[in-house]
Amino acid sequence: MKPVTPDEALAAVVGSKPLPRTELTKKLWVYIKKNGLQDKKVKTQINADDKLKAVFGGKKSVSMFEMTKLVSNHLS
């Protein structure tokens, strides 16, 4: 896969090096799990901390599917 470059907001979560989208997604999930951001009751919801809130356009919580779309806005 062609590497993508995260912008400043996303780089705070996954690092600033260009990486394939699959690796970026893995790193994002590692961050979510490590910080306990997956909703305990509704597993498809991700609760944002300050770093992810910048990626999620200020939203406190998004679905996994919405997260994918929002992350795309932070790639070049």
C-alpha atoms as a PDB file:
ATOM      1  CA  MET A   1       0.000   0.000   0.000  1.00  0.00           C
ATOM      2  CA  LYS A   2       1.088   3.541  -0.724  1.00  0.00           C
ATOM      3  CA  PRO A   3       2.204   5.350   2.453  1.00  0.00           C
ATOM      4  CA  VAL A   4       0.069   8.217   3.734  1.00  0.00           C
ATOM      5  CA  THR A   5       1.337  11.122   5.830  1.00  0.00           C
ATOM      6  CA  PRO A   6      -0.621  12.100   8.964  1.00  0.00           C
ATOM      7  CA  ASP A   7      -1.149  15.808   9.637  1.00  0.00           C
ATOM      8  CA  GLU A   8      -0.139  17.408  12.954  1.00  0.00           C
ATOM      9  CA  ALA A   9      -3.322  16.435  14.850  1.00  0.00           C
ATOM     10  CA  LEU A  10      -3.169  12.770  13.789  1.00  0.00           C
ATOM     11  CA  ALA A  11       0.618  12.634  14.202  1.00  0.00           C
ATOM     12  CA  ALA A  12       0.118  13.308  17.935  1.00  0.00           C
ATOM     13  CA  VAL A  13      -1.569   9.887  18.095  1.00  0.00           C
ATOM     14  CA  VAL A  14       0.227   7.708  15.506  1.00  0.00           C
ATOM     15  CA  GLY A  15       3.521   9.504  14.861  1.00  0.00           C
ATOM     16  CA  SER A  16       4.536  11.728  11.971  1.00  0.00           C
ATOM     17  CA  LYS A  17       6.258   9.219   9.666  1.00  0.00           C
ATOM     18  CA  PRO A  18       4.519   8.261   6.413  1.00  0.00           C
ATOM     19  CA  LEU A  19       3.046   4.769   6.766  1.00  0.00           C
ATOM     20  CA  PRO A  20       0.605   2.483   4.944  1.00  0.00           C
ATOM     21  CA  ARG A  21      -3.027   3.030   5.891  1.00  0.00           C
ATOM     22  CA  THR A  22      -3.210  -0.476   7.402  1.00  0.00           C
ATOM     23  CA  GLU A  23      -0.357   0.338   9.800  1.00  0.00           C
ATOM     24  CA  LEU A  24      -1.923   3.687  10.641  1.00  0.00           C
ATOM     25  CA  THR A  25      -5.176   1.929  11.574  1.00  0.00           C
ATOM     26  CA  LYS A  26      -3.289  -0.583  13.744  1.00  0.00           C
ATOM     27  CA  LYS A  27      -1.470   2.220  15.574  1.00  0.00           C
ATOM     28  CA  LEU A  28      -4.737   4.081  16.092  1.00  0.00           C
ATOM     29  CA  TRP A  29      -6.314   0.981  17.678  1.00  0.00           C
ATOM     30  CA  VAL A  30      -3.257   0.398  19.880  1.00  0.00           C
ATOM     31  CA  TYR A  31      -3.659   3.964  21.149  1.00  0.00           C
ATOM     32  CA  ILE A  32      -7.422   3.526  21.714  1.00  0.00           C
ATOM     33  CA  LYS A  33      -6.978   0.244  23.605  1.00  0.00           C
ATOM     34  CA  LYS A  34      -3.969   1.451  25.637  1.00  0.00           C
ATOM     35  CA  ASN A  35      -5.906   4.498  26.820  1.00  0.00           C
ATOM     36  CA  GLY A  36      -9.230   2.667  27.363  1.00  0.00           C
ATOM     37  CA  LEU A  37     -11.106   4.849  24.877  1.00  0.00           C
ATOM     38  CA  GLN A  38     -13.422   2.178  23.484  1.00  0.00           C
ATOM     39  CA  ASP A  39     -16.841   2.548  25.111  1.00  0.00           C
ATOM     40  CA  LYS A  40     -17.441  -0.210  27.678  1.00  0.00           C
ATOM     41  CA  LYS A  41     -21.115  -0.741  26.793  1.00  0.00           C
ATOM     42  CA  VAL A  42     -21.267   0.185  23.103  1.00  0.00           C
ATOM     43  CA  LYS A  43     -18.094  -1.377  21.692  1.00  0.00           C
ATOM     44  CA  THR A  44     -18.473   0.396  18.338  1.00  0.00           C
ATOM     45  CA  GLN A  45     -18.170   3.826  20.008  1.00  0.00           C
ATOM     46  CA  ILE A  46     -14.804   5.512  20.579  1.00  0.00           C
ATOM     47  CA  ASN A  47     -14.624   8.121  23.353  1.00  0.00           C
ATOM     48  CA  ALA A  48     -12.104  10.820  22.485  1.00  0.00           C
ATOM     49  CA  ASP A  49      -9.369  12.131  24.750  1.00  0.00           C
ATOM     50  CA  ASP A  50      -7.838  15.544  23.978  1.00  0.00           C
ATOM     51  CA  LYS A  51      -5.572  14.208  21.214  1.00  0.00           C
ATOM     52  CA  LEU A  52      -8.351  12.296  19.468  1.00  0.00           C
ATOM     53  CA  LYS A  53     -10.814  15.156  19.878  1.00  0.00           C
ATOM     54  CA  ALA A  54      -8.579  17.182  17.523  1.00  0.00           C
ATOM     55  CA  VAL A  55      -8.775  14.339  14.979  1.00  0.00           C
ATOM     56  CA  PHE A  56     -12.542  13.882  15.466  1.00  0.00           C
ATOM     57  CA  GLY A  57     -13.348  17.533  14.777  1.00  0.00           C
ATOM     58  CA  GLY A  58     -14.065  18.306  18.440  1.00  0.00           C
ATOM     59  CA  LYS A  59     -16.541  15.445  18.940  1.00  0.00           C
ATOM     60  CA  LYS A  60     -16.436  13.623  22.299  1.00  0.00           C
ATOM     61  CA  SER A  61     -17.535  10.288  20.858  1.00  0.00           C
ATOM     62  CA  VAL A  62     -17.736   8.764  17.371  1.00  0.00           C
ATOM     63  CA  SER A  63     -18.551   5.352  15.918  1.00  0.00           C
ATOM     64  CA  MET A  64     -15.753   3.187  14.478  1.00  0.00           C
ATOM     65  CA  PHE A  65     -17.153   3.830  11.008  1.00  0.00           C
ATOM     66  CA  GLU A  66     -17.277   7.597  11.446  1.00  0.00           C
ATOM     67  CA  MET A  67     -13.750   7.479  12.879  1.00  0.00           C
ATOM     68  CA  THR A  68     -12.403   6.014   9.619  1.00  0.00           C
ATOM     69  CA  LYS A  69     -13.950   8.872   7.645  1.00  0.00           C
ATOM     70  CA  LEU A  70     -12.677  11.539  10.058  1.00  0.00           C
ATOM     71  CA  VAL A  71      -9.146  10.106  10.056  1.00  0.00           C
ATOM     72  CA  SER A  72      -9.094  10.328   6.245  1.00  0.00           C
ATOM     73  CA  ASN A  73      -9.403  14.114   6.541  1.00  0.00           C
ATOM     74  CA  HIS A  74      -6.039  14.178   8.343  1.00  0.00           C
ATOM     75  CA  LEU A  75      -4.010  12.344   5.682  1.00  0.00           C
ATOM     76  CA  SER A  76      -2.038  13.554   2.707  1.00  0.00           C
END
